[in-house]
C-alpha atoms as a PDB file:
ATOM      1  CA  MET A   1     -10.922  31.182 -22.931  1.00  0.00           C
ATOM      2  CA  LYS A   2     -11.019  27.482 -22.041  1.00  0.00           C
ATOM      3  CA  ARG A   3      -8.172  27.779 -19.541  1.00  0.00           C
ATOM      4  CA  HIS A   4     -10.135  30.453 -17.639  1.00  0.00           C
ATOM      5  CA  VAL A   5     -13.306  28.370 -17.370  1.00  0.00           C
ATOM      6  CA  PHE A   6     -11.786  25.393 -15.531  1.00  0.00           C
ATOM      7  CA  PRO A   7     -10.364  27.361 -12.565  1.00  0.00           C
ATOM      8  CA  LEU A   8     -13.681  29.207 -12.269  1.00  0.00           C
ATOM      9  CA  LEU A   9     -15.616  25.942 -12.189  1.00  0.00           C
ATOM     10  CA  ALA A  10     -13.189  24.472  -9.659  1.00  0.00           C
ATOM     11  CA  PHE A  11     -13.612  27.557  -7.474  1.00  0.00           C
ATOM     12  CA  LEU A  12     -17.396  27.384  -7.634  1.00  0.00           C
ATOM     13  CA  ALA A  13     -17.407  23.665  -6.862  1.00  0.00           C
ATOM     14  CA  ALA A  14     -15.241  24.274  -3.789  1.00  0.00           C
ATOM     15  CA  CYS A  15     -17.792  26.735  -2.438  1.00  0.00           C
ATOM     16  CA  GLY A  16     -20.380  23.998  -1.881  1.00  0.00           C
ATOM     17  CA  THR A  17     -24.120  23.984  -2.302  1.00  0.00           C
ATOM     18  CA  PRO A  18     -26.284  26.417  -0.349  1.00  0.00           C
ATOM     19  CA  GLN A  19     -27.204  23.549   1.981  1.00  0.00           C
ATOM     20  CA  GLU A  20     -23.532  22.709   2.601  1.00  0.00           C
ATOM     21  CA  GLN A  21     -22.727  26.377   3.162  1.00  0.00           C
ATOM     22  CA  CYS A  22     -25.567  26.654   5.686  1.00  0.00           C
ATOM     23  CA  ILE A  23     -24.367  23.578   7.567  1.00  0.00           C
ATOM     24  CA  GLN A  24     -20.724  24.751   7.495  1.00  0.00           C
ATOM     25  CA  ARG A  25     -21.673  28.208   8.732  1.00  0.00           C
ATOM     26  CA  ASN A  26     -23.805  26.887  11.598  1.00  0.00           C
ATOM     27  CA  THR A  27     -21.483  24.120  12.812  1.00  0.00           C
ATOM     28  CA  ARG A  28     -18.249  26.132  12.982  1.00  0.00           C
ATOM     29  CA  ASP A  29     -18.046  25.848  16.799  1.00  0.00           C
ATOM     30  CA  LEU A  30     -18.486  22.078  16.614  1.00  0.00           C
ATOM     31  CA  ARG A  31     -15.572  21.766  14.166  1.00  0.00           C
ATOM     32  CA  THR A  32     -13.429  23.994  16.393  1.00  0.00           C
ATOM     33  CA  VAL A  33     -14.156  21.825  19.441  1.00  0.00           C
ATOM     34  CA  ASP A  34     -13.384  18.699  17.376  1.00  0.00           C
ATOM     35  CA  ARG A  35     -10.006  20.184  16.423  1.00  0.00           C
ATOM     36  CA  LEU A  36      -9.269  21.050  20.071  1.00  0.00           C
ATOM     37  CA  ILE A  37     -10.235  17.541  21.186  1.00  0.00           C
ATOM     38  CA  ALA A  38      -7.841  16.023  18.633  1.00  0.00           C
ATOM     39  CA  GLU A  39      -5.050  18.382  19.734  1.00  0.00           C
ATOM     40  CA  THR A  40      -5.623  17.668  23.444  1.00  0.00           C
ATOM     41  CA  GLN A  41      -5.804  13.907  22.863  1.00  0.00           C
ATOM     42  CA  GLY A  42      -2.538  14.117  20.904  1.00  0.00           C
ATOM     43  CA  ASN A  43      -0.932  15.991  23.804  1.00  0.00           C
ATOM     44  CA  LEU A  44      -2.023  13.268  26.222  1.00  0.00           C
ATOM     45  CA  ASP A  45      -0.815  10.499  23.907  1.00  0.00           C
ATOM     46  CA  ARG A  46       2.603  12.146  23.508  1.00  0.00           C
ATOM     47  CA  GLY A  47       2.901  13.344  27.110  1.00  0.00           C
ATOM     48  CA  TYR A  48       3.752  16.880  26.008  1.00  0.00           C
ATOM     49  CA  ALA A  49       2.267  19.659  23.893  1.00  0.00           C
ATOM     50  CA  LEU A  50       3.631  21.154  20.708  1.00  0.00           C
ATOM     51  CA  GLU A  51       3.841  24.916  20.441  1.00  0.00           C
ATOM     52  CA  GLU A  52       4.612  26.862  17.300  1.00  0.00           C
ATOM     53  CA  VAL A  53       7.255  29.568  17.658  1.00  0.00           C
ATOM     54  CA  THR A  54       8.742  32.010  15.180  1.00  0.00           C
ATOM     55  CA  ILE A  55      12.523  32.202  14.899  1.00  0.00           C
ATOM     56  CA  THR A  56      14.394  34.884  13.005  1.00  0.00           C
ATOM     57  CA  GLN A  57      17.353  33.616  11.009  1.00  0.00           C
ATOM     58  CA  GLU A  58      19.841  35.325   8.747  1.00  0.00           C
ATOM     59  CA  ARG A  59      20.910  34.095   5.338  1.00  0.00           C
ATOM     60  CA  TRP A  60      23.119  35.473   2.651  1.00  0.00           C
ATOM     61  CA  GLY A  61      21.482  37.209  -0.264  1.00  0.00           C
ATOM     62  CA  TYR A  62      21.996  40.224  -2.492  1.00  0.00           C
ATOM     63  CA  CYS A  63      20.928  43.767  -1.643  1.00  0.00           C
ATOM     64  CA  ARG A  64      20.880  46.943  -3.663  1.00  0.00           C
ATOM     65  CA  GLU A  65      22.471  50.006  -2.150  1.00  0.00           C
ATOM     66  CA  PRO A  66      20.375  53.181  -2.290  1.00  0.00           C
ATOM     67  CA  VAL A  67      21.694  55.695  -4.818  1.00  0.00           C
ATOM     68  CA  PRO A  68      21.052  59.420  -5.094  1.00  0.00           C
ATOM     69  CA  GLU A  69      18.429  60.590  -7.600  1.00  0.00           C
ATOM     70  CA  GLY A  70      19.781  60.669 -11.136  1.00  0.00           C
ATOM     71  CA  GLN A  71      22.764  58.403 -10.417  1.00  0.00           C
ATOM     72  CA  PRO A  72      23.114  54.995 -12.123  1.00  0.00           C
ATOM     73  CA  ALA A  73      22.102  51.989 -10.063  1.00  0.00           C
ATOM     74  CA  LEU A  74      24.906  50.090  -8.393  1.00  0.00           C
ATOM     75  CA  PRO A  75      25.228  46.319  -8.792  1.00  0.00           C
ATOM     76  CA  PRO A  76      23.782  44.236  -5.932  1.00  0.00           C
ATOM     77  CA  VAL A  77      26.160  43.398  -3.112  1.00  0.00           C
ATOM     78  CA  PRO A  78      26.184  40.352  -0.801  1.00  0.00           C
ATOM     79  CA  CYS A  79      24.415  40.995   2.498  1.00  0.00           C
ATOM     80  CA  LEU A  80      22.680  39.191   5.348  1.00  0.00           C
ATOM     81  CA  ILE A  81      18.882  39.105   5.050  1.00  0.00           C
ATOM     82  CA  GLU A  82      16.682  38.287   8.034  1.00  0.00           C
ATOM     83  CA  HIS A  83      13.726  35.954   7.554  1.00  0.00           C
ATOM     84  CA  ASP A  84      11.290  34.357   9.958  1.00  0.00           C
ATOM     85  CA  ILE A  85      10.602  30.644  10.116  1.00  0.00           C
ATOM     86  CA  ARG A  86       7.996  28.845  12.192  1.00  0.00           C
ATOM     87  CA  VAL A  87       8.991  25.709  14.090  1.00  0.00           C
ATOM     88  CA  GLU A  88       7.274  23.413  16.547  1.00  0.00           C
ATOM     89  CA  ARG A  89       8.771  22.866  19.978  1.00  0.00           C
ATOM     90  CA  ALA A  90       7.885  20.464  22.749  1.00  0.00           C
ATOM     91  CA  LYS A  91       6.216  22.108  25.734  1.00  0.00           C
ATOM     92  CA  ALA A  92       5.734  20.526  29.158  1.00  0.00           C
ATOM     93  CA  ILE A  93       2.104  20.128  30.272  1.00  0.00           C
ATOM     94  CA  ASP A  94       0.277  18.948  33.375  1.00  0.00           C
ATOM     95  CA  LEU A  95      -1.262  15.673  32.229  1.00  0.00           C
ATOM     96  CA  ALA A  96      -4.009  15.790  34.881  1.00  0.00           C
ATOM     97  CA  ASP A  97      -5.069  19.279  33.743  1.00  0.00           C
ATOM     98  CA  GLU A  98      -4.941  18.155  30.130  1.00  0.00           C
ATOM     99  CA  ALA A  99      -7.168  15.145  30.908  1.00  0.00           C
ATOM    100  CA  LYS A 100      -9.626  17.421  32.724  1.00  0.00           C
ATOM    101  CA  LYS A 101      -9.622  19.786  29.740  1.00  0.00           C
ATOM    102  CA  LEU A 102     -10.304  16.867  27.390  1.00  0.00           C
ATOM    103  CA  GLU A 103     -13.319  15.780  29.437  1.00  0.00           C
ATOM    104  CA  GLY A 104     -14.667  19.341  29.384  1.00  0.00           C
ATOM    105  CA  LEU A 105     -14.220  19.534  25.615  1.00  0.00           C
ATOM    106  CA  LYS A 106     -15.996  16.216  25.119  1.00  0.00           C
ATOM    107  CA  ALA A 107     -18.928  17.424  27.232  1.00  0.00           C
ATOM    108  CA  LYS A 108     -19.081  20.639  25.201  1.00  0.00           C
ATOM    109  CA  ARG A 109     -18.958  18.607  21.990  1.00  0.00           C
ATOM    110  CA  ARG A 110     -21.977  16.570  23.082  1.00  0.00           C
ATOM    111  CA  GLU A 111     -23.907  19.829  23.710  1.00  0.00           C
ATOM    112  CA  LEU A 112     -22.900  21.306  20.359  1.00  0.00           C
ATOM    113  CA  ALA A 113     -23.654  18.082  18.464  1.00  0.00           C
ATOM    114  CA  LYS A 114     -27.155  17.952  19.957  1.00  0.00           C
ATOM    115  CA  ALA A 115     -27.765  21.605  19.017  1.00  0.00           C
ATOM    116  CA  ALA A 116     -26.299  21.005  15.539  1.00  0.00           C
ATOM    117  CA  GLU A 117     -28.846  18.285  14.771  1.00  0.00           C
ATOM    118  CA  ALA A 118     -31.664  20.853  14.725  1.00  0.00           C
ATOM    119  CA  VAL A 119     -29.609  23.330  12.711  1.00  0.00           C
ATOM    120  CA  ILE A 120     -28.655  20.682  10.134  1.00  0.00           C
ATOM    121  CA  ALA A 121     -32.297  19.613   9.804  1.00  0.00           C
ATOM    122  CA  GLN A 122     -33.280  23.266   9.322  1.00  0.00           C
ATOM    123  CA  CYS A 123     -30.601  23.768   6.647  1.00  0.00           C
ATOM    124  CA  LYS A 124     -31.759  20.619   4.839  1.00  0.00           C
ATOM    125  CA  ALA A 125     -35.371  21.812   4.938  1.00  0.00           C
ATOM    126  CA  GLU A 126     -34.458  25.327   3.802  1.00  0.00           C
ATOM    127  CA  PHE A 127     -32.077  24.203   1.031  1.00  0.00           C
ATOM    128  CA  PRO A 128     -33.156  20.766  -0.239  1.00  0.00           C
ATOM    129  CA  GLU A 129     -30.781  19.174  -2.746  1.00  0.00           C
END
């Protein structure tokens, strides 16, 4: 019984208080813009963007051959199995466009931060800790 209680308590603690949940729920756009600002600034610092692509590769494994109903199963045989992996690749960008995008994101962040102040105050009033 004890080993079931700890994961449950850890799960409940990760959920946050009602106040934290309210703030998280109402500032989602602000966090998204913050993430985009960090990504765009990183692109400018590097001079290129990183894009994630999926590549299909083959590797050796063991497969079971289908057998007719009622027949004994055959032993597995070596075969090539396809699997997808995700990799990051460099991607050329227009640095002037990227700088313009960064300025637009920073302006949007200022708007969202100002709007978030009222929402955070409302959440704190509604759910005092």
